[in-house]
Amino acid sequence: MKKYFLPLIACFLVVQTGFSQTEPVRPISTAVPFLGIPADARSSAMADQGIATPVDAFSQQWNPAKFAFSEVKQGIGFGYTPYLRELVDDINLGTLTYFNRINERSSFSGSLRYFGLGGVELRQTAEQVGRDVEPNELAVDVSYALRLSENFSMAVTGRYLRSDLRIPSGIQDASAANSFAADLHAFYRGPVKAYKDFDGRWRVGAAITNIGPKISYDNEFDNFIPTTFKIGGGFDFILDASNRIGVYVEANKLLVPTPPEIPEDATNEERQALAEEYRNQSQFGAIFSSWNDAPDGLSEEFKEIIWSLGAEYWYEDSFAIRAGYFYEAPEKGFRQYATFGFGFKYSSVIIDASYLFSTAQGVTNPLEGTLRFSLSFNIGDKAYVEF
């Protein structure tokens, strides 16, 4: 589908701000925001979380340290997410992941994520002959996980980023913006303990993702990439050999500077000075300063934390039902929605699906009304489970 460039820009901003509402807001915008879109249906069915959930083939996006506890030696996953499907039909996110638990203590993994914004027709006037372009973004990453003890593992990730969103001018083609990033992950999986009426297991995960330099679309401005701190935990209720319920909670915060407060009576020179001061902040320094730089103080910092709660029920390790709730403060993007989904496992094949509907009045989510699917395969014999 061919579109004018203005809708593309609107779409790009929508992805960054999460359809902000009409009241005064101060959302944090970054480059390559597609990195925050869940690429698999299982995690998206539990309100976009996966930092502390049980390991699966798509843990690469959430916490590859979990692969060190995989009971399966190898796995591969395919995910597909239609985006803004109620408006257009050619904006999509696709992912391919692979992991290999190479021995009882370690694993390596990798993934490719591709975000295509469809066909766009560029023209300055209605009479001008249009020029067709196909903007896109992609990320390629590899990870290594090491099990440091019976219950604890860590992982490091390296990532290459490419964003082809620049607007060509004249007869010159705009080159794509490139950058790189690194992640640091940690995961704790407790032993199974016997309680009064059931067995149970605790899980905890944490990560700092997308640590890296800014990305530039032109020679004037550099854009922050979405460096994020994530932490989460959960508990598995193992009711019997056939029934298991997992309940998980997760919080994350962008480690990116909060936009400055600009007085209404500020001159153009003052506004430009504030904007320049914001853009010139260090990407790495912001990891620390972003915890206390909100103009309204601690209350605003707390509003920058995004929360999600999810649950998953498995029967006979072959059928799953999932649900979740995602909350972002109205002043920071107003993404508030409920999710649900299901999964089927037959032999080594797993099929997952999820659906989302917004709970924020008057706010439309770009994934609302979209059924998402993912497919994964377990490969090889059982891997080592304990030392």
Protein backbone atom coordinates (compact mmCIF):
# COMPACT_ATOMS: atom_id res chain seq x y z
CA MET A 1 0.00 0.00 0.00
CA LYS A 2 1.41 3.37 -1.02
CA LYS A 3 1.00 6.30 1.38
CA TYR A 4 2.16 9.88 1.64
CA PHE A 5 5.08 10.56 3.90
CA LEU A 6 3.10 12.54 6.51
CA PRO A 7 1.22 9.42 7.72
CA LEU A 8 4.58 7.66 8.02
CA ILE A 9 5.93 10.37 10.30
CA ALA A 10 2.72 10.21 12.36
CA CYS A 11 3.08 6.44 12.62
CA PHE A 12 6.71 6.74 13.72
CA LEU A 13 5.82 9.19 16.48
CA VAL A 14 2.91 7.02 17.58
CA VAL A 15 5.28 4.11 18.04
CA GLN A 16 7.51 6.22 20.24
CA THR A 17 4.91 7.89 22.44
CA GLY A 18 2.30 5.17 22.64
CA PHE A 19 -0.62 7.40 21.50
CA SER A 20 -0.33 10.11 24.11
CA GLN A 21 -3.53 11.70 25.34
CA THR A 22 -4.66 15.34 25.07
CA GLU A 23 -3.68 16.57 28.58
CA PRO A 24 -0.15 17.99 29.02
CA VAL A 25 2.34 15.14 28.92
CA ARG A 26 6.09 14.62 28.92
CA PRO A 27 6.70 11.24 27.21
CA ILE A 28 10.26 10.12 26.52
CA SER A 29 11.02 9.51 22.84
CA THR A 30 13.90 7.47 21.45
CA ALA A 31 15.20 6.18 18.15
CA VAL A 32 14.54 2.55 17.07
CA PRO A 33 11.45 2.20 19.33
CA PHE A 34 10.58 -1.09 17.58
CA LEU A 35 13.02 -2.75 20.02
CA GLY A 36 10.32 -2.44 22.66
CA ILE A 37 7.62 -4.20 20.65
CA PRO A 38 7.16 -7.83 21.80
CA ALA A 39 8.09 -10.14 18.96
CA ASP A 40 6.42 -13.30 20.29
CA ALA A 41 2.83 -14.13 21.16
CA ARG A 42 3.56 -15.85 24.47
CA SER A 43 5.13 -12.80 26.13
CA SER A 44 2.63 -10.40 24.57
CA ALA A 45 -0.23 -12.50 25.99
CA MET A 46 1.21 -11.86 29.47
CA ALA A 47 1.28 -8.05 29.08
CA ASP A 48 4.61 -7.79 27.26
CA GLN A 49 6.87 -9.35 29.85
CA GLY A 50 9.48 -12.09 29.90
CA ILE A 51 12.33 -11.09 32.19
CA ALA A 52 11.48 -13.76 34.82
CA THR A 53 9.12 -16.16 33.05
CA PRO A 54 10.13 -19.76 32.22
CA VAL A 55 12.57 -20.15 29.34
CA ASP A 56 11.36 -20.57 25.77
CA ALA A 57 12.81 -20.03 22.29
CA PHE A 58 11.98 -16.29 22.43
CA SER A 59 13.87 -15.56 25.66
CA GLN A 60 16.51 -13.89 23.49
CA GLN A 61 14.49 -10.66 23.44
CA TRP A 62 13.74 -10.70 27.16
CA ASN A 63 16.45 -12.47 29.14
CA PRO A 64 18.89 -14.86 27.40
CA ALA A 65 20.35 -15.80 30.80
CA LYS A 66 17.34 -18.12 31.06
CA PHE A 67 18.78 -20.32 28.29
CA ALA A 68 21.33 -21.69 30.77
CA PHE A 69 18.40 -23.44 32.48
CA SER A 70 16.76 -24.80 29.34
CA GLU A 71 15.76 -28.46 29.49
CA VAL A 72 15.90 -28.49 25.70
CA LYS A 73 19.27 -28.50 23.99
CA GLN A 74 18.29 -26.32 21.02
CA GLY A 75 15.34 -24.27 19.89
CA ILE A 76 14.24 -22.02 17.05
CA GLY A 77 11.37 -19.55 16.93
CA PHE A 78 9.47 -17.51 14.33
CA GLY A 79 7.29 -14.55 15.29
CA TYR A 80 5.04 -12.27 13.22
CA THR A 81 3.24 -9.14 14.39
CA PRO A 82 1.01 -7.01 12.13
CA TYR A 83 1.23 -3.37 13.20
CA LEU A 84 -1.44 -0.65 12.90
CA ARG A 85 -3.54 -3.23 11.10
CA GLU A 86 -6.74 -1.19 11.47
CA LEU A 87 -5.16 1.62 9.41
CA VAL A 88 -2.75 -0.01 6.96
CA ASP A 89 -1.91 -3.51 5.80
CA ASP A 90 1.84 -3.48 5.19
CA ILE A 91 3.53 -2.53 8.49
CA ASN A 92 4.89 -5.66 10.17
CA LEU A 93 7.41 -6.90 12.71
CA GLY A 94 9.08 -10.24 12.14
CA THR A 95 11.60 -12.14 14.26
CA LEU A 96 13.76 -15.24 14.00
CA THR A 97 15.54 -16.63 17.09
CA TYR A 98 17.82 -19.57 17.83
CA PHE A 99 19.54 -20.91 20.94
CA ASN A 100 21.87 -23.80 21.73
CA ARG A 101 22.68 -25.00 25.23
CA ILE A 102 26.20 -26.15 24.44
CA ASN A 103 26.91 -27.80 27.81
CA GLU A 104 25.53 -28.09 31.33
CA ARG A 105 26.60 -24.54 32.24
CA SER A 106 26.40 -22.33 29.15
CA SER A 107 24.53 -21.48 25.98
CA PHE A 108 24.72 -19.15 23.02
CA SER A 109 21.82 -17.61 21.14
CA GLY A 110 20.95 -15.05 18.51
CA SER A 111 18.05 -13.33 16.81
CA LEU A 112 17.04 -11.14 13.90
CA ARG A 113 14.22 -8.60 14.20
CA TYR A 114 12.91 -6.75 11.15
CA PHE A 115 10.39 -3.91 11.26
CA GLY A 116 9.03 -2.94 7.84
CA LEU A 117 6.98 0.25 7.49
CA GLY A 118 5.59 -0.69 4.08
CA GLY A 119 5.62 1.27 0.85
CA VAL A 120 5.70 5.07 1.08
CA GLU A 121 5.19 7.54 -1.74
CA LEU A 122 7.19 10.78 -1.39
CA ARG A 123 6.20 13.99 -3.15
CA GLN A 124 6.27 17.69 -2.34
CA THR A 125 3.21 18.65 -4.39
CA ALA A 126 0.15 16.80 -5.65
CA GLU A 127 1.30 17.26 -9.25
CA GLN A 128 4.82 15.93 -8.71
CA VAL A 129 5.64 12.38 -9.73
CA GLY A 130 5.89 10.34 -6.56
CA ARG A 131 8.98 8.47 -5.44
CA ASP A 132 8.51 5.07 -3.81
CA VAL A 133 10.57 4.07 -0.76
CA GLU A 134 10.26 1.26 1.78
CA PRO A 135 11.55 2.39 5.21
CA ASN A 136 12.63 -0.34 7.59
CA GLU A 137 14.57 -1.05 10.76
CA LEU A 138 16.38 -4.17 11.92
CA ALA A 139 18.38 -5.53 14.84
CA VAL A 140 20.76 -8.47 14.88
CA ASP A 141 22.05 -9.74 18.22
CA VAL A 142 24.02 -12.60 19.74
CA SER A 143 24.23 -13.65 23.39
CA TYR A 144 26.26 -15.87 25.65
CA ALA A 145 24.81 -17.18 28.93
CA LEU A 146 26.71 -18.80 31.78
CA ARG A 147 25.25 -20.63 34.73
CA LEU A 148 27.27 -19.43 37.72
CA SER A 149 25.62 -21.64 40.33
CA GLU A 150 22.85 -24.17 40.65
CA ASN A 151 20.24 -21.40 40.71
CA PHE A 152 21.81 -18.30 39.12
CA SER A 153 22.96 -17.34 35.62
CA MET A 154 24.06 -14.25 33.71
CA ALA A 155 24.27 -13.32 30.04
CA VAL A 156 25.80 -10.66 27.82
CA THR A 157 24.42 -9.56 24.46
CA GLY A 158 25.85 -7.61 21.56
CA ARG A 159 23.47 -5.96 19.09
CA TYR A 160 23.76 -4.27 15.70
CA LEU A 161 21.10 -1.65 14.87
CA ARG A 162 20.14 -0.33 11.46
CA SER A 163 17.40 2.24 10.89
CA ASP A 164 16.56 3.24 7.33
CA LEU A 165 14.10 6.06 8.04
CA ARG A 166 15.89 9.07 6.60
CA ILE A 167 14.06 11.09 3.98
CA PRO A 168 15.82 11.15 0.58
CA SER A 169 16.38 14.66 -0.78
CA GLY A 170 16.62 15.49 -4.46
CA ILE A 171 18.25 12.69 -6.40
CA GLN A 172 20.40 11.65 -3.43
CA ASP A 173 19.51 8.53 -1.50
CA ALA A 174 19.58 8.92 2.27
CA SER A 175 21.89 6.46 3.94
CA ALA A 176 20.64 4.33 6.83
CA ALA A 177 21.55 5.16 10.42
CA ASN A 178 23.63 2.56 12.23
CA SER A 179 24.58 1.91 15.82
CA PHE A 180 25.36 -0.89 18.23
CA ALA A 181 24.31 -1.79 21.77
CA ALA A 182 25.01 -4.24 24.56
CA ASP A 183 22.83 -5.89 27.23
CA LEU A 184 23.59 -7.34 30.64
CA HIS A 185 21.13 -9.93 32.03
CA ALA A 186 20.74 -11.90 35.27
CA PHE A 187 18.34 -14.71 36.19
CA TYR A 188 17.59 -16.67 39.36
CA ARG A 189 15.52 -19.85 39.35
CA GLY A 190 14.91 -21.25 42.81
CA PRO A 191 14.58 -24.92 43.67
CA VAL A 192 11.18 -26.59 43.80
CA LYS A 193 9.89 -26.46 47.37
CA ALA A 194 7.01 -28.32 48.93
CA TYR A 195 4.26 -26.20 50.48
CA LYS A 196 1.11 -27.35 52.24
CA ASP A 197 -1.07 -28.07 49.21
CA PHE A 198 1.30 -27.60 46.29
CA ASP A 199 4.91 -27.35 45.19
CA GLY A 200 6.36 -24.01 44.14
CA ARG A 201 9.34 -22.28 42.58
CA TRP A 202 10.49 -18.62 42.68
CA ARG A 203 11.97 -16.82 39.67
CA VAL A 204 13.68 -13.41 39.51
CA GLY A 205 15.23 -11.60 36.54
CA ALA A 206 16.90 -8.25 35.86
CA ALA A 207 18.58 -6.57 32.92
CA ILE A 208 19.96 -3.37 31.47
CA THR A 209 19.35 -3.42 27.73
CA ASN A 210 20.50 -1.35 24.75
CA ILE A 211 23.55 0.25 26.33
CA GLY A 212 25.25 2.06 23.49
CA PRO A 213 25.93 5.27 21.59
CA LYS A 214 23.27 7.50 20.11
CA ILE A 215 22.04 6.98 16.57
CA SER A 216 22.05 9.77 13.96
CA TYR A 217 19.70 10.24 11.01
CA ASP A 218 21.47 13.38 9.80
CA ASN A 219 24.61 15.39 10.46
CA GLU A 220 22.98 17.69 13.04
CA PHE A 221 21.21 15.68 15.73
CA ASP A 222 21.91 12.44 17.57
CA ASN A 223 19.01 10.43 18.99
CA PHE A 224 19.01 8.37 22.16
CA ILE A 225 18.51 4.63 21.78
CA PRO A 226 16.08 2.99 24.26
CA THR A 227 18.43 1.99 27.08
CA THR A 228 16.14 0.30 29.62
CA PHE A 229 16.33 -1.14 33.11
CA LYS A 230 14.08 -4.15 33.70
CA ILE A 231 13.35 -6.18 36.80
CA GLY A 232 10.75 -8.81 37.50
CA GLY A 233 9.80 -11.82 39.55
CA GLY A 234 7.32 -14.62 39.66
CA PHE A 235 6.16 -17.78 41.33
CA ASP A 236 5.15 -21.12 39.85
CA PHE A 237 2.31 -22.95 41.61
CA ILE A 238 2.89 -26.61 40.76
CA LEU A 239 -0.48 -28.04 41.75
CA ASP A 240 0.16 -31.58 40.53
CA ALA A 241 1.79 -33.42 37.63
CA SER A 242 -0.79 -32.03 35.18
CA ASN A 243 -1.52 -28.50 36.38
CA ARG A 244 0.81 -25.53 36.81
CA ILE A 245 0.07 -21.81 37.26
CA GLY A 246 2.69 -19.08 36.98
CA VAL A 247 2.15 -15.51 38.20
CA TYR A 248 4.68 -12.83 37.18
CA VAL A 249 5.22 -9.10 37.65
CA GLU A 250 7.66 -6.84 35.82
CA ALA A 251 8.74 -3.19 35.93
CA ASN A 252 10.92 -1.29 33.49
CA LYS A 253 12.19 2.25 33.10
CA LEU A 254 13.87 4.02 30.21
CA LEU A 255 17.36 5.20 31.16
CA VAL A 256 17.00 8.18 28.84
CA PRO A 257 16.80 11.85 29.89
CA THR A 258 13.37 13.27 30.60
CA PRO A 259 12.52 16.14 28.23
CA PRO A 260 13.01 19.52 29.95
CA GLU A 261 10.15 21.71 31.09
CA ILE A 262 9.87 24.67 28.73
CA PRO A 263 8.17 27.78 30.17
CA GLU A 264 5.24 29.09 28.14
CA ASP A 265 6.82 32.54 27.95
CA ALA A 266 10.22 31.23 26.80
CA THR A 267 11.72 32.89 23.73
CA ASN A 268 12.72 30.92 20.66
CA GLU A 269 16.36 31.26 21.66
CA GLU A 270 15.62 29.88 25.14
CA ARG A 271 13.64 26.99 23.68
CA GLN A 272 16.47 26.16 21.30
CA ALA A 273 19.00 26.32 24.12
CA LEU A 274 16.98 23.91 26.25
CA ALA A 275 16.53 21.54 23.32
CA GLU A 276 20.24 21.63 22.51
CA GLU A 277 21.18 21.01 26.15
CA TYR A 278 18.85 17.97 26.18
CA ARG A 279 20.28 16.53 22.95
CA ASN A 280 23.87 17.02 24.06
CA GLN A 281 23.54 14.86 27.15
CA SER A 282 25.64 11.72 27.15
CA GLN A 283 23.92 8.43 26.40
CA PHE A 284 26.02 6.73 29.05
CA GLY A 285 25.69 9.50 31.62
CA ALA A 286 21.92 9.34 31.23
CA ILE A 287 21.94 5.79 32.63
CA PHE A 288 22.60 7.39 36.03
CA SER A 289 21.10 10.88 35.66
CA SER A 290 17.77 9.57 34.30
CA TRP A 291 16.82 8.42 37.80
CA ASN A 292 16.53 12.00 39.13
CA ASP A 293 16.20 14.41 36.19
CA ALA A 294 12.40 14.69 35.90
CA PRO A 295 11.26 18.32 36.24
CA ASP A 296 8.54 17.38 38.75
CA GLY A 297 10.90 15.36 40.93
CA LEU A 298 10.40 11.94 42.45
CA SER A 299 6.69 11.76 41.66
CA GLU A 300 7.39 12.10 37.95
CA GLU A 301 10.25 9.62 38.12
CA PHE A 302 7.87 7.08 39.57
CA LYS A 303 5.43 7.71 36.73
CA GLU A 304 8.17 6.77 34.25
CA ILE A 305 8.14 3.19 35.56
CA ILE A 306 6.01 0.86 33.43
CA TRP A 307 4.32 -2.07 35.19
CA SER A 308 2.94 -5.33 33.90
CA LEU A 309 1.29 -8.31 35.56
CA GLY A 310 0.84 -11.66 33.83
CA ALA A 311 -0.29 -15.20 34.50
CA GLU A 312 0.03 -18.50 32.66
CA TYR A 313 -1.77 -21.81 33.20
CA TRP A 314 -0.42 -25.06 31.73
CA TYR A 315 -2.32 -28.33 31.52
CA GLU A 316 -0.36 -31.52 30.86
CA ASP A 317 2.44 -29.36 29.44
CA SER A 318 0.46 -29.30 26.20
CA PHE A 319 -2.13 -26.49 26.49
CA ALA A 320 -1.71 -23.02 28.00
CA ILE A 321 -4.01 -20.08 28.78
CA ARG A 322 -2.47 -16.67 29.47
CA ALA A 323 -3.58 -13.19 30.53
CA GLY A 324 -2.02 -9.94 31.64
CA TYR A 325 -2.36 -6.21 32.28
CA PHE A 326 0.03 -3.44 31.19
CA TYR A 327 0.13 0.02 32.82
CA GLU A 328 1.89 3.20 31.76
CA ALA A 329 1.12 6.55 33.43
CA PRO A 330 -1.08 8.94 31.41
CA GLU A 331 1.64 11.61 31.54
CA LYS A 332 4.19 9.24 29.98
CA GLY A 333 2.31 7.69 27.07
CA PHE A 334 -0.96 6.28 28.45
CA ARG A 335 -0.44 2.73 27.22
CA GLN A 336 -2.87 0.78 29.35
CA TYR A 337 -4.24 -2.49 28.08
CA ALA A 338 -5.25 -6.04 28.91
CA THR A 339 -3.98 -9.08 27.03
CA PHE A 340 -4.88 -12.72 26.73
CA GLY A 341 -3.77 -15.67 24.67
CA PHE A 342 -3.24 -19.39 24.44
CA GLY A 343 -0.61 -21.91 23.45
CA PHE A 344 -0.48 -25.46 22.12
CA LYS A 345 2.43 -27.85 22.41
CA TYR A 346 2.61 -31.08 20.45
CA SER A 347 5.82 -33.05 20.61
CA SER A 348 8.52 -30.50 19.75
CA VAL A 349 6.23 -27.89 18.12
CA ILE A 350 4.74 -24.96 20.05
CA ILE A 351 2.12 -22.56 18.64
CA ASP A 352 1.19 -19.39 20.55
CA ALA A 353 -1.36 -16.66 19.89
CA SER A 354 -2.29 -13.44 21.69
CA TYR A 355 -4.76 -10.57 21.54
CA LEU A 356 -4.76 -7.06 23.05
CA PHE A 357 -7.47 -4.53 23.86
CA SER A 358 -6.93 -1.05 25.28
CA THR A 359 -8.33 -0.09 28.69
CA ALA A 360 -7.36 3.59 28.43
CA GLN A 361 -10.44 5.61 27.54
CA GLY A 362 -10.08 7.51 24.28
CA VAL A 363 -6.69 5.99 23.46
CA THR A 364 -6.15 3.58 20.58
CA ASN A 365 -3.29 1.11 20.76
CA PRO A 366 -1.45 0.36 17.47
CA LEU A 367 -1.80 -3.37 18.18
CA GLU A 368 -5.46 -3.30 19.18
CA GLY A 369 -7.64 -5.70 17.23
CA THR A 370 -4.63 -7.69 16.06
CA LEU A 371 -4.20 -11.42 16.57
CA ARG A 372 -0.50 -12.24 16.88
CA PHE A 373 1.10 -15.63 16.30
CA SER A 374 4.47 -17.24 16.96
CA LEU A 375 5.84 -20.69 16.21
CA SER A 376 8.77 -22.44 17.88
CA PHE A 377 10.48 -25.80 17.68
CA ASN A 378 12.48 -27.74 20.26
CA ILE A 379 15.43 -29.49 18.64
CA GLY A 380 17.51 -32.37 19.93
CA ASP A 381 17.52 -34.40 23.11
CA LYS A 382 17.01 -33.10 26.61
CA ALA A 383 19.87 -30.94 27.84
CA TYR A 384 21.50 -30.98 31.25
CA VAL A 385 19.12 -29.71 33.93
CA GLU A 386 21.28 -29.82 37.05
CA PHE A 387 25.04 -29.79 37.60
